[in-house]
Amino acid sequence: MTGQGVVLRAFLLGAAVTGAVAYALGAALVVAAAAAGSTLRLAVGPVVMAAVEREGAQVVTTLGPGLGAVAIAGGLLNAAAGLVLLRASRDHDRLT
């Protein structure tokens, strides 16, 4: 497999797993906050990951686009780790 294939596969798998975990954690936080009757706003600047807001008797829950940003960040970190391991294995193969 080429180096590009390794990095791409690492990015895609890292993004998928990180996205799934972020979605599950976000959903658990939203459900817990709604059940407790409190408000929650988990955001980085204007990018909302999860929010629970009360508007009178209604509860508004949001899983925002920040979860996608978290998934992309996880994919990038995994791709970087894959690239480091690929280079280390090539250096090792060259030395032996």
N, C-alpha and C. Protein backbone atom coordinates (compact mmCIF):
# COMPACT_ATOMS: atom_id res chain seq x y z
N MET A 1 0.85 -1.17 0.00
CA MET A 1 0.00 0.00 0.00
C MET A 1 0.90 1.24 0.00
N THR A 2 0.49 2.23 -0.76
CA THR A 2 1.28 3.45 -0.85
C THR A 2 1.13 4.26 0.43
N GLY A 3 2.04 5.21 0.61
CA GLY A 3 1.99 6.08 1.77
C GLY A 3 0.71 6.91 1.80
N GLN A 4 0.26 7.35 0.62
CA GLN A 4 -0.97 8.14 0.56
C GLN A 4 -2.17 7.31 0.99
N GLY A 5 -2.19 6.05 0.60
CA GLY A 5 -3.29 5.16 0.97
C GLY A 5 -3.34 4.93 2.48
N VAL A 6 -2.16 4.79 3.09
CA VAL A 6 -2.10 4.59 4.54
C VAL A 6 -2.62 5.82 5.26
N VAL A 7 -2.19 7.00 4.82
CA VAL A 7 -2.61 8.24 5.47
C VAL A 7 -4.10 8.48 5.26
N LEU A 8 -4.60 8.24 4.06
CA LEU A 8 -6.02 8.43 3.79
C LEU A 8 -6.87 7.47 4.61
N ARG A 9 -6.47 6.22 4.67
CA ARG A 9 -7.21 5.23 5.47
C ARG A 9 -7.18 5.61 6.95
N ALA A 10 -6.03 6.06 7.44
CA ALA A 10 -5.93 6.49 8.84
C ALA A 10 -6.85 7.68 9.10
N PHE A 11 -6.89 8.64 8.16
CA PHE A 11 -7.77 9.79 8.34
C PHE A 11 -9.23 9.38 8.38
N LEU A 12 -9.64 8.56 7.43
CA LEU A 12 -11.05 8.16 7.35
C LEU A 12 -11.48 7.36 8.58
N LEU A 13 -10.66 6.42 9.00
CA LEU A 13 -11.02 5.63 10.18
C LEU A 13 -11.01 6.49 11.44
N GLY A 14 -10.02 7.36 11.57
CA GLY A 14 -9.96 8.24 12.73
C GLY A 14 -11.14 9.18 12.79
N ALA A 15 -11.52 9.74 11.64
CA ALA A 15 -12.67 10.65 11.60
C ALA A 15 -13.96 9.92 11.92
N ALA A 16 -14.12 8.72 11.41
CA ALA A 16 -15.35 7.95 11.67
C ALA A 16 -15.48 7.59 13.15
N VAL A 17 -14.41 7.10 13.72
CA VAL A 17 -14.46 6.69 15.13
C VAL A 17 -14.63 7.91 16.04
N THR A 18 -13.86 8.96 15.78
CA THR A 18 -13.96 10.16 16.60
C THR A 18 -15.35 10.78 16.47
N GLY A 19 -15.89 10.80 15.27
CA GLY A 19 -17.23 11.34 15.07
C GLY A 19 -18.28 10.53 15.80
N ALA A 20 -18.18 9.21 15.76
CA ALA A 20 -19.15 8.36 16.45
C ALA A 20 -19.08 8.56 17.96
N VAL A 21 -17.87 8.63 18.50
CA VAL A 21 -17.71 8.83 19.94
C VAL A 21 -18.19 10.23 20.34
N ALA A 22 -17.86 11.24 19.55
CA ALA A 22 -18.32 12.61 19.85
C ALA A 22 -19.84 12.69 19.80
N TYR A 23 -20.46 12.04 18.84
CA TYR A 23 -21.92 12.05 18.73
C TYR A 23 -22.55 11.35 19.94
N ALA A 24 -22.00 10.21 20.33
CA ALA A 24 -22.54 9.47 21.47
C ALA A 24 -22.40 10.28 22.76
N LEU A 25 -21.23 10.88 22.97
CA LEU A 25 -21.04 11.70 24.16
C LEU A 25 -21.92 12.93 24.15
N GLY A 26 -22.05 13.57 23.00
CA GLY A 26 -22.92 14.73 22.89
C GLY A 26 -24.37 14.38 23.18
N ALA A 27 -24.82 13.27 22.63
CA ALA A 27 -26.20 12.84 22.87
C ALA A 27 -26.41 12.51 24.34
N ALA A 28 -25.45 11.85 24.98
CA ALA A 28 -25.57 11.53 26.40
C ALA A 28 -25.62 12.80 27.25
N LEU A 29 -24.78 13.78 26.92
CA LEU A 29 -24.80 15.04 27.66
C LEU A 29 -26.13 15.77 27.49
N VAL A 30 -26.65 15.78 26.27
CA VAL A 30 -27.91 16.46 26.00
C VAL A 30 -29.06 15.79 26.76
N VAL A 31 -29.10 14.47 26.74
CA VAL A 31 -30.16 13.74 27.43
C VAL A 31 -30.06 13.97 28.94
N ALA A 32 -28.85 13.92 29.48
CA ALA A 32 -28.67 14.12 30.92
C ALA A 32 -29.07 15.54 31.34
N ALA A 33 -28.68 16.53 30.55
CA ALA A 33 -29.02 17.92 30.88
C ALA A 33 -30.53 18.14 30.77
N ALA A 34 -31.15 17.58 29.75
CA ALA A 34 -32.60 17.74 29.59
C ALA A 34 -33.35 17.05 30.72
N ALA A 35 -32.89 15.87 31.13
CA ALA A 35 -33.55 15.14 32.21
C ALA A 35 -33.38 15.86 33.55
N ALA A 36 -32.25 16.52 33.74
CA ALA A 36 -31.99 17.24 34.99
C ALA A 36 -32.70 18.59 35.02
N GLY A 37 -33.22 19.01 33.90
CA GLY A 37 -33.90 20.29 33.84
C GLY A 37 -32.97 21.49 33.79
N SER A 38 -31.73 21.26 33.39
CA SER A 38 -30.77 22.37 33.32
C SER A 38 -30.47 22.71 31.86
N THR A 39 -29.73 23.80 31.67
CA THR A 39 -29.32 24.20 30.33
C THR A 39 -27.85 23.83 30.14
N LEU A 40 -27.48 23.67 28.89
CA LEU A 40 -26.11 23.28 28.55
C LEU A 40 -25.76 23.92 27.23
N ARG A 41 -24.55 24.44 27.14
CA ARG A 41 -24.04 24.96 25.86
C ARG A 41 -22.57 24.60 25.79
N LEU A 42 -22.25 23.64 24.96
CA LEU A 42 -20.88 23.18 24.76
C LEU A 42 -20.45 23.68 23.38
N ALA A 43 -19.56 24.67 23.38
CA ALA A 43 -19.17 25.30 22.11
C ALA A 43 -17.73 25.78 22.21
N VAL A 44 -17.13 25.90 21.05
CA VAL A 44 -15.81 26.53 20.92
C VAL A 44 -16.04 27.76 20.05
N GLY A 45 -16.05 28.92 20.70
CA GLY A 45 -16.38 30.14 19.99
C GLY A 45 -17.82 30.06 19.50
N PRO A 46 -18.06 30.35 18.24
CA PRO A 46 -19.43 30.30 17.73
C PRO A 46 -19.86 28.90 17.26
N VAL A 47 -18.96 27.94 17.28
CA VAL A 47 -19.26 26.59 16.78
C VAL A 47 -19.82 25.73 17.91
N VAL A 48 -21.12 25.44 17.82
CA VAL A 48 -21.82 24.69 18.87
C VAL A 48 -21.67 23.19 18.62
N MET A 49 -21.29 22.46 19.69
CA MET A 49 -21.23 21.02 19.61
C MET A 49 -22.52 20.40 20.14
N ALA A 50 -22.97 20.88 21.30
CA ALA A 50 -24.21 20.39 21.90
C ALA A 50 -24.81 21.51 22.74
N ALA A 51 -26.13 21.58 22.74
CA ALA A 51 -26.81 22.60 23.53
C ALA A 51 -28.18 22.12 23.96
N VAL A 52 -28.56 22.52 25.17
CA VAL A 52 -29.91 22.31 25.69
C VAL A 52 -30.37 23.66 26.22
N GLU A 53 -31.46 24.15 25.70
CA GLU A 53 -31.98 25.45 26.12
C GLU A 53 -33.45 25.31 26.46
N ARG A 54 -33.88 26.08 27.44
CA ARG A 54 -35.29 26.09 27.85
C ARG A 54 -35.94 27.35 27.31
N GLU A 55 -37.04 27.18 26.64
CA GLU A 55 -37.83 28.31 26.15
C GLU A 55 -39.25 28.13 26.68
N GLY A 56 -39.48 28.68 27.86
CA GLY A 56 -40.77 28.50 28.52
C GLY A 56 -40.91 27.05 28.96
N ALA A 57 -41.93 26.38 28.50
CA ALA A 57 -42.16 24.98 28.86
C ALA A 57 -41.46 24.02 27.89
N GLN A 58 -40.91 24.56 26.83
CA GLN A 58 -40.27 23.70 25.82
C GLN A 58 -38.78 23.56 26.09
N VAL A 59 -38.26 22.42 25.71
CA VAL A 59 -36.82 22.16 25.78
C VAL A 59 -36.31 21.99 24.35
N VAL A 60 -35.30 22.78 23.99
CA VAL A 60 -34.72 22.72 22.66
C VAL A 60 -33.33 22.09 22.78
N THR A 61 -33.10 20.98 22.09
CA THR A 61 -31.80 20.32 22.10
C THR A 61 -31.15 20.44 20.72
N THR A 62 -29.85 20.60 20.72
CA THR A 62 -29.10 20.75 19.48
C THR A 62 -27.80 19.96 19.55
N LEU A 63 -27.54 19.17 18.54
CA LEU A 63 -26.22 18.60 18.30
C LEU A 63 -25.72 19.31 17.06
N GLY A 64 -24.76 20.20 17.24
CA GLY A 64 -24.38 21.12 16.19
C GLY A 64 -23.24 20.65 15.31
N PRO A 65 -22.81 21.53 14.40
CA PRO A 65 -21.75 21.21 13.46
C PRO A 65 -20.38 21.07 14.10
N GLY A 66 -20.26 21.45 15.34
CA GLY A 66 -18.99 21.27 16.05
C GLY A 66 -18.59 19.82 16.15
N LEU A 67 -19.59 18.92 16.13
CA LEU A 67 -19.26 17.49 16.17
C LEU A 67 -18.52 17.07 14.91
N GLY A 68 -18.87 17.66 13.78
CA GLY A 68 -18.14 17.38 12.54
C GLY A 68 -16.72 17.90 12.61
N ALA A 69 -16.55 19.07 13.22
CA ALA A 69 -15.20 19.62 13.38
C ALA A 69 -14.35 18.74 14.28
N VAL A 70 -14.96 18.20 15.32
CA VAL A 70 -14.25 17.27 16.22
C VAL A 70 -13.85 16.02 15.45
N ALA A 71 -14.74 15.51 14.59
CA ALA A 71 -14.43 14.31 13.80
C ALA A 71 -13.27 14.57 12.84
N ILE A 72 -13.28 15.73 12.20
CA ILE A 72 -12.18 16.07 11.28
C ILE A 72 -10.87 16.20 12.04
N ALA A 73 -10.91 16.83 13.21
CA ALA A 73 -9.69 16.97 14.02
C ALA A 73 -9.15 15.60 14.43
N GLY A 74 -10.05 14.70 14.82
CA GLY A 74 -9.62 13.34 15.18
C GLY A 74 -9.02 12.61 13.99
N GLY A 75 -9.61 12.80 12.81
CA GLY A 75 -9.06 12.19 11.60
C GLY A 75 -7.68 12.72 11.26
N LEU A 76 -7.52 14.04 11.40
CA LEU A 76 -6.21 14.63 11.13
C LEU A 76 -5.14 14.13 12.09
N LEU A 77 -5.50 14.03 13.37
CA LEU A 77 -4.54 13.50 14.35
C LEU A 77 -4.19 12.05 14.05
N ASN A 78 -5.18 11.27 13.67
CA ASN A 78 -4.91 9.87 13.34
C ASN A 78 -4.07 9.74 12.08
N ALA A 79 -4.32 10.60 11.09
CA ALA A 79 -3.52 10.58 9.86
C ALA A 79 -2.07 10.98 10.16
N ALA A 80 -1.89 11.97 11.03
CA ALA A 80 -0.53 12.38 11.41
C ALA A 80 0.20 11.24 12.12
N ALA A 81 -0.50 10.55 13.00
CA ALA A 81 0.11 9.40 13.69
C ALA A 81 0.44 8.29 12.69
N GLY A 82 -0.45 8.06 11.73
CA GLY A 82 -0.17 7.05 10.70
C GLY A 82 1.04 7.40 9.86
N LEU A 83 1.18 8.68 9.55
CA LEU A 83 2.34 9.13 8.77
C LEU A 83 3.63 8.94 9.56
N VAL A 84 3.61 9.26 10.84
CA VAL A 84 4.79 9.08 11.68
C VAL A 84 5.17 7.61 11.74
N LEU A 85 4.18 6.74 11.94
CA LEU A 85 4.47 5.30 12.00
C LEU A 85 4.95 4.76 10.66
N LEU A 86 4.40 5.26 9.57
CA LEU A 86 4.84 4.83 8.24
C LEU A 86 6.30 5.20 8.01
N ARG A 87 6.66 6.44 8.34
CA ARG A 87 8.05 6.88 8.17
C ARG A 87 8.99 6.11 9.08
N ALA A 88 8.57 5.84 10.30
CA ALA A 88 9.41 5.08 11.22
C ALA A 88 9.63 3.66 10.71
N SER A 89 8.59 3.04 10.16
CA SER A 89 8.75 1.68 9.65
C SER A 89 9.64 1.66 8.40
N ARG A 90 9.55 2.69 7.57
CA ARG A 90 10.44 2.75 6.39
C ARG A 90 11.87 2.98 6.79
N ASP A 91 12.10 3.81 7.81
CA ASP A 91 13.45 4.02 8.30
C ASP A 91 13.99 2.75 8.90
N HIS A 92 13.16 2.02 9.61
CA HIS A 92 13.59 0.76 10.22
C HIS A 92 13.93 -0.26 9.15
N ASP A 93 13.10 -0.33 8.10
CA ASP A 93 13.36 -1.29 7.02
C ASP A 93 14.64 -0.94 6.26
N ARG A 94 14.93 0.35 6.13
CA ARG A 94 16.13 0.77 5.43
C ARG A 94 17.38 0.45 6.23
N LEU A 95 17.29 0.50 7.57
CA LEU A 95 18.46 0.26 8.41
C LEU A 95 18.75 -1.22 8.61
N THR A 96 17.76 -2.07 8.41
CA THR A 96 17.99 -3.50 8.66
C THR A 96 18.30 -4.24 7.40
